């Protein structure tokens, strides 16, 4: 079997009637709201969760890793400036939450 068997294998198995002998069950726990949103999006694309997950796994094999960039969002300029100010000690200090909020009104 060549390197593309993982991608084409399920399709060939389905065509030849061998699908039940070549499938496995995968279970994952995800946030209910996330699952519902994903199902809604997939439905709009004409896909169900199983088909989308099969596509994802096929791409993992074909690409040799996660098929999309996995990264943290980069902070914007205002956030970078605030971080820089905090490291430099240029921060407003308050003894209480009330004092902090009242100083924001000034």
N, C-alpha and C. Protein backbone atom coordinates (compact mmCIF):
# COMPACT_ATOMS: atom_id res chain seq x y z
N UNK A 1 0.84 -1.19 0.00
CA UNK A 1 0.00 0.00 0.00
C UNK A 1 0.89 1.24 0.00
N UNK A 2 0.58 2.18 -0.87
CA UNK A 2 1.37 3.38 -1.00
C UNK A 2 0.99 4.43 0.03
N UNK A 3 1.67 5.57 0.01
CA UNK A 3 1.41 6.62 1.00
C UNK A 3 0.03 7.25 0.88
N UNK A 4 -0.61 7.08 -0.27
CA UNK A 4 -1.93 7.70 -0.45
C UNK A 4 -3.07 6.75 -0.08
N UNK A 5 -2.73 5.55 0.40
CA UNK A 5 -3.77 4.61 0.76
C UNK A 5 -4.69 5.18 1.84
N UNK A 6 -4.12 5.92 2.79
CA UNK A 6 -4.94 6.49 3.87
C UNK A 6 -5.98 7.45 3.32
N UNK A 7 -5.63 8.11 2.22
CA UNK A 7 -6.58 9.06 1.62
C UNK A 7 -7.58 8.34 0.72
N UNK A 8 -7.07 7.50 -0.20
CA UNK A 8 -7.95 6.85 -1.16
C UNK A 8 -8.57 5.56 -0.63
N UNK A 9 -7.95 4.98 0.39
CA UNK A 9 -8.42 3.71 0.92
C UNK A 9 -9.89 3.68 1.29
N UNK A 10 -10.39 4.66 2.07
CA UNK A 10 -11.81 4.62 2.43
C UNK A 10 -12.73 4.68 1.22
N UNK A 11 -12.33 5.42 0.19
CA UNK A 11 -13.16 5.53 -1.00
C UNK A 11 -13.14 4.21 -1.78
N UNK A 12 -11.96 3.61 -1.90
CA UNK A 12 -11.85 2.32 -2.58
C UNK A 12 -12.60 1.25 -1.81
N UNK A 13 -12.50 1.27 -0.49
CA UNK A 13 -13.18 0.29 0.34
C UNK A 13 -14.69 0.41 0.17
N UNK A 14 -15.19 1.63 0.10
CA UNK A 14 -16.62 1.84 -0.07
C UNK A 14 -17.07 1.31 -1.44
N UNK A 15 -16.28 1.56 -2.47
CA UNK A 15 -16.61 1.11 -3.82
C UNK A 15 -16.59 -0.42 -3.93
N UNK A 16 -15.71 -1.05 -3.19
CA UNK A 16 -15.57 -2.50 -3.29
C UNK A 16 -16.38 -3.25 -2.24
N UNK A 17 -17.09 -2.52 -1.39
CA UNK A 17 -17.92 -3.15 -0.37
C UNK A 17 -17.16 -3.59 0.87
N UNK A 18 -15.92 -3.14 1.03
CA UNK A 18 -15.11 -3.54 2.18
C UNK A 18 -15.14 -2.50 3.30
N UNK A 19 -16.05 -1.57 3.24
CA UNK A 19 -16.03 -0.45 4.19
C UNK A 19 -16.10 -0.91 5.64
N UNK A 20 -16.98 -1.85 5.97
CA UNK A 20 -17.12 -2.25 7.37
C UNK A 20 -15.85 -2.89 7.92
N UNK A 21 -15.06 -3.51 7.07
CA UNK A 21 -13.84 -4.15 7.54
C UNK A 21 -12.69 -3.15 7.70
N UNK A 22 -12.85 -1.93 7.21
CA UNK A 22 -11.74 -0.98 7.23
C UNK A 22 -12.05 0.28 8.03
N UNK A 23 -13.09 0.27 8.83
CA UNK A 23 -13.43 1.46 9.59
C UNK A 23 -13.24 1.24 11.08
N UNK A 24 -13.02 2.35 11.78
CA UNK A 24 -12.91 2.34 13.24
C UNK A 24 -13.75 3.47 13.79
N UNK A 25 -14.19 3.33 15.00
CA UNK A 25 -14.95 4.38 15.67
C UNK A 25 -13.99 5.29 16.41
N UNK A 26 -14.19 6.60 16.27
CA UNK A 26 -13.40 7.59 16.98
C UNK A 26 -14.37 8.42 17.81
N UNK A 27 -14.08 8.58 19.10
CA UNK A 27 -14.93 9.39 19.98
C UNK A 27 -14.13 10.60 20.44
N UNK A 28 -14.80 11.73 20.52
CA UNK A 28 -14.16 12.96 21.00
C UNK A 28 -15.16 13.74 21.83
N UNK A 29 -14.69 14.30 22.92
CA UNK A 29 -15.55 15.16 23.73
C UNK A 29 -15.25 16.60 23.38
N UNK A 30 -16.30 17.32 22.99
CA UNK A 30 -16.17 18.74 22.64
C UNK A 30 -17.30 19.51 23.30
N UNK A 31 -17.09 20.80 23.43
CA UNK A 31 -18.10 21.69 23.98
C UNK A 31 -19.38 21.57 23.14
N UNK A 32 -20.52 21.47 23.79
CA UNK A 32 -21.80 21.28 23.11
C UNK A 32 -22.09 22.42 22.13
N UNK A 33 -21.86 23.65 22.56
CA UNK A 33 -22.13 24.80 21.68
C UNK A 33 -21.22 24.76 20.45
N UNK A 34 -19.95 24.41 20.64
CA UNK A 34 -19.02 24.31 19.52
C UNK A 34 -19.48 23.23 18.54
N UNK A 35 -19.90 22.09 19.07
CA UNK A 35 -20.38 21.00 18.21
C UNK A 35 -21.59 21.44 17.40
N UNK A 36 -22.53 22.11 18.04
CA UNK A 36 -23.73 22.56 17.34
C UNK A 36 -23.39 23.58 16.25
N UNK A 37 -22.48 24.50 16.56
CA UNK A 37 -22.08 25.50 15.56
C UNK A 37 -21.38 24.82 14.39
N UNK A 38 -20.51 23.86 14.70
CA UNK A 38 -19.79 23.15 13.64
C UNK A 38 -20.77 22.36 12.76
N UNK A 39 -21.73 21.69 13.39
CA UNK A 39 -22.72 20.93 12.61
C UNK A 39 -23.52 21.85 11.69
N UNK A 40 -23.87 23.02 12.18
CA UNK A 40 -24.62 23.99 11.38
C UNK A 40 -23.80 24.45 10.17
N UNK A 41 -22.53 24.74 10.42
CA UNK A 41 -21.65 25.17 9.34
C UNK A 41 -21.45 24.05 8.33
N UNK A 42 -21.20 22.84 8.83
CA UNK A 42 -20.99 21.70 7.95
C UNK A 42 -22.23 21.39 7.12
N UNK A 43 -23.39 21.51 7.74
CA UNK A 43 -24.65 21.27 7.02
C UNK A 43 -24.78 22.24 5.85
N UNK A 44 -24.40 23.50 6.09
CA UNK A 44 -24.46 24.51 5.02
C UNK A 44 -23.51 24.16 3.88
N UNK A 45 -22.46 23.41 4.20
CA UNK A 45 -21.49 22.97 3.19
C UNK A 45 -21.88 21.64 2.57
N UNK A 46 -22.99 21.05 3.05
CA UNK A 46 -23.43 19.76 2.53
C UNK A 46 -22.69 18.59 3.13
N UNK A 47 -22.12 18.78 4.31
CA UNK A 47 -21.35 17.73 4.98
C UNK A 47 -21.94 17.39 6.33
N UNK A 48 -21.67 16.18 6.77
CA UNK A 48 -21.99 15.82 8.15
C UNK A 48 -20.67 15.74 8.93
N UNK A 49 -20.76 15.58 10.23
CA UNK A 49 -19.58 15.57 11.09
C UNK A 49 -18.63 14.43 10.73
N UNK A 50 -19.17 13.26 10.44
CA UNK A 50 -18.34 12.12 10.11
C UNK A 50 -17.54 12.37 8.83
N UNK A 51 -18.20 12.88 7.81
CA UNK A 51 -17.51 13.16 6.55
C UNK A 51 -16.43 14.22 6.74
N UNK A 52 -16.73 15.26 7.50
CA UNK A 52 -15.75 16.32 7.74
C UNK A 52 -14.56 15.78 8.53
N UNK A 53 -14.82 14.95 9.51
CA UNK A 53 -13.72 14.39 10.31
C UNK A 53 -12.86 13.46 9.46
N UNK A 54 -13.51 12.67 8.59
CA UNK A 54 -12.77 11.80 7.68
C UNK A 54 -11.89 12.63 6.75
N UNK A 55 -12.43 13.74 6.25
CA UNK A 55 -11.65 14.64 5.39
C UNK A 55 -10.45 15.20 6.16
N UNK A 56 -10.68 15.61 7.40
CA UNK A 56 -9.61 16.15 8.23
C UNK A 56 -8.50 15.12 8.40
N UNK A 57 -8.85 13.90 8.79
CA UNK A 57 -7.84 12.87 9.00
C UNK A 57 -7.09 12.53 7.71
N UNK A 58 -7.80 12.51 6.60
CA UNK A 58 -7.14 12.25 5.32
C UNK A 58 -6.11 13.34 5.01
N UNK A 59 -6.46 14.59 5.31
CA UNK A 59 -5.52 15.69 5.08
C UNK A 59 -4.34 15.64 6.04
N UNK A 60 -4.56 15.19 7.26
CA UNK A 60 -3.45 15.02 8.21
C UNK A 60 -2.42 14.05 7.62
N UNK A 61 -2.91 12.95 7.06
CA UNK A 61 -2.01 11.95 6.48
C UNK A 61 -1.33 12.52 5.24
N UNK A 62 -2.08 13.13 4.34
CA UNK A 62 -1.50 13.66 3.10
C UNK A 62 -0.48 14.76 3.35
N UNK A 63 -0.77 15.63 4.30
CA UNK A 63 0.11 16.76 4.59
C UNK A 63 1.23 16.39 5.56
N UNK A 64 1.07 15.27 6.23
CA UNK A 64 2.07 14.87 7.22
C UNK A 64 2.01 15.69 8.49
N UNK A 65 0.84 16.19 8.83
CA UNK A 65 0.65 16.99 10.03
C UNK A 65 -0.69 17.68 10.00
N UNK A 66 -0.88 18.61 10.92
CA UNK A 66 -2.13 19.38 10.97
C UNK A 66 -2.25 20.15 9.65
N UNK A 67 -3.39 20.06 8.96
CA UNK A 67 -3.50 20.68 7.64
C UNK A 67 -3.82 22.18 7.64
N UNK A 68 -3.56 22.83 8.73
CA UNK A 68 -3.73 24.27 8.81
C UNK A 68 -2.79 24.80 9.87
N UNK A 69 -2.54 26.10 9.83
CA UNK A 69 -1.62 26.70 10.80
C UNK A 69 -2.25 26.72 12.19
N UNK A 70 -1.50 26.31 13.17
CA UNK A 70 -1.94 26.36 14.56
C UNK A 70 -1.05 27.37 15.27
N UNK A 71 -1.65 28.49 15.68
CA UNK A 71 -0.85 29.54 16.31
C UNK A 71 -1.74 30.38 17.23
N UNK A 72 -1.10 31.11 18.06
CA UNK A 72 -1.80 32.06 18.93
C UNK A 72 -1.96 33.36 18.17
N UNK A 73 -3.05 34.08 18.41
CA UNK A 73 -3.22 35.35 17.72
C UNK A 73 -2.15 36.34 18.18
N UNK A 74 -1.64 37.12 17.25
CA UNK A 74 -0.63 38.12 17.58
C UNK A 74 -1.30 39.32 18.23
N UNK A 75 -0.70 39.88 19.29
CA UNK A 75 -1.30 41.07 19.92
C UNK A 75 -1.20 42.27 18.99
N UNK A 76 -2.21 43.14 19.08
CA UNK A 76 -2.19 44.35 18.26
C UNK A 76 -1.27 45.41 18.89
N UNK A 77 -1.10 46.54 18.22
CA UNK A 77 -0.18 47.59 18.70
C UNK A 77 -0.54 48.12 20.07
N UNK A 78 -1.83 48.31 20.31
CA UNK A 78 -2.27 48.85 21.61
C UNK A 78 -1.91 47.87 22.74
N UNK A 79 -2.11 46.60 22.49
CA UNK A 79 -1.78 45.60 23.50
C UNK A 79 -0.27 45.54 23.73
N UNK A 80 0.51 45.58 22.64
CA UNK A 80 1.97 45.56 22.78
C UNK A 80 2.45 46.79 23.56
N UNK A 81 1.84 47.95 23.29
CA UNK A 81 2.22 49.17 24.02
C UNK A 81 1.88 49.05 25.50
N UNK A 82 0.72 48.48 25.81
CA UNK A 82 0.32 48.30 27.21
C UNK A 82 1.26 47.34 27.93
N UNK A 83 1.66 46.28 27.25
CA UNK A 83 2.60 45.33 27.84
C UNK A 83 3.94 46.01 28.10
N UNK A 84 4.40 46.78 27.12
CA UNK A 84 5.66 47.51 27.26
C UNK A 84 5.60 48.49 28.42
N UNK A 85 4.50 49.23 28.52
CA UNK A 85 4.31 50.17 29.62
C UNK A 85 4.33 49.46 30.97
N UNK A 86 3.69 48.30 31.05
CA UNK A 86 3.64 47.60 32.33
C UNK A 86 5.03 47.13 32.75
N UNK A 87 5.84 46.64 31.79
CA UNK A 87 7.20 46.22 32.12
C UNK A 87 8.07 47.40 32.52
N UNK A 88 7.77 48.58 31.98
CA UNK A 88 8.55 49.78 32.30
C UNK A 88 8.06 50.46 33.57
N UNK A 89 6.98 49.93 34.17
CA UNK A 89 6.46 50.51 35.40
C UNK A 89 5.51 51.67 35.17
N UNK A 90 5.14 51.92 33.92
CA UNK A 90 4.21 53.02 33.60
C UNK A 90 2.78 52.49 33.66
N UNK A 91 2.33 52.27 34.88
CA UNK A 91 0.99 51.74 35.09
C UNK A 91 0.28 52.57 36.16
N UNK A 92 -1.04 52.55 36.12
CA UNK A 92 -1.81 53.22 37.16
C UNK A 92 -2.06 52.21 38.26
N UNK A 93 -1.75 52.61 39.49
CA UNK A 93 -1.97 51.73 40.62
C UNK A 93 -3.12 52.27 41.45
N UNK A 94 -3.95 51.37 41.93
CA UNK A 94 -5.09 51.76 42.75
C UNK A 94 -5.17 50.81 43.93
N UNK A 95 -5.66 51.31 45.05
CA UNK A 95 -5.79 50.49 46.25
C UNK A 95 -7.07 49.67 46.28
N UNK A 96 -8.04 50.03 45.40
CA UNK A 96 -9.30 49.29 45.37
C UNK A 96 -9.89 49.39 43.96
N UNK A 97 -10.85 48.56 43.71
CA UNK A 97 -11.55 48.58 42.42
C UNK A 97 -12.31 49.90 42.28
N UNK A 98 -12.93 50.36 43.36
CA UNK A 98 -13.67 51.63 43.31
C UNK A 98 -12.73 52.78 42.94
N UNK A 99 -11.55 52.80 43.54
CA UNK A 99 -10.58 53.85 43.24
C UNK A 99 -10.14 53.77 41.77
N UNK A 100 -9.96 52.57 41.30
CA UNK A 100 -9.55 52.38 39.90
C UNK A 100 -10.61 52.92 38.95
N UNK A 101 -11.88 52.56 39.20
CA UNK A 101 -12.94 53.01 38.31
C UNK A 101 -13.17 54.52 38.42
N UNK A 102 -13.04 55.06 39.60
CA UNK A 102 -13.24 56.51 39.73
C UNK A 102 -12.12 57.27 39.03
N UNK A 103 -10.90 56.71 39.00
CA UNK A 103 -9.80 57.37 38.30
C UNK A 103 -9.98 57.33 36.79
N UNK A 104 -10.73 56.36 36.31
CA UNK A 104 -11.01 56.28 34.87
C UNK A 104 -11.97 57.37 34.42
N UNK A 105 -12.82 57.85 35.35
CA UNK A 105 -13.76 58.92 35.03
C UNK A 105 -13.08 60.27 34.93
N UNK A 106 -11.88 60.42 35.51
CA UNK A 106 -11.16 61.70 35.50
C UNK A 106 -10.58 62.02 34.17
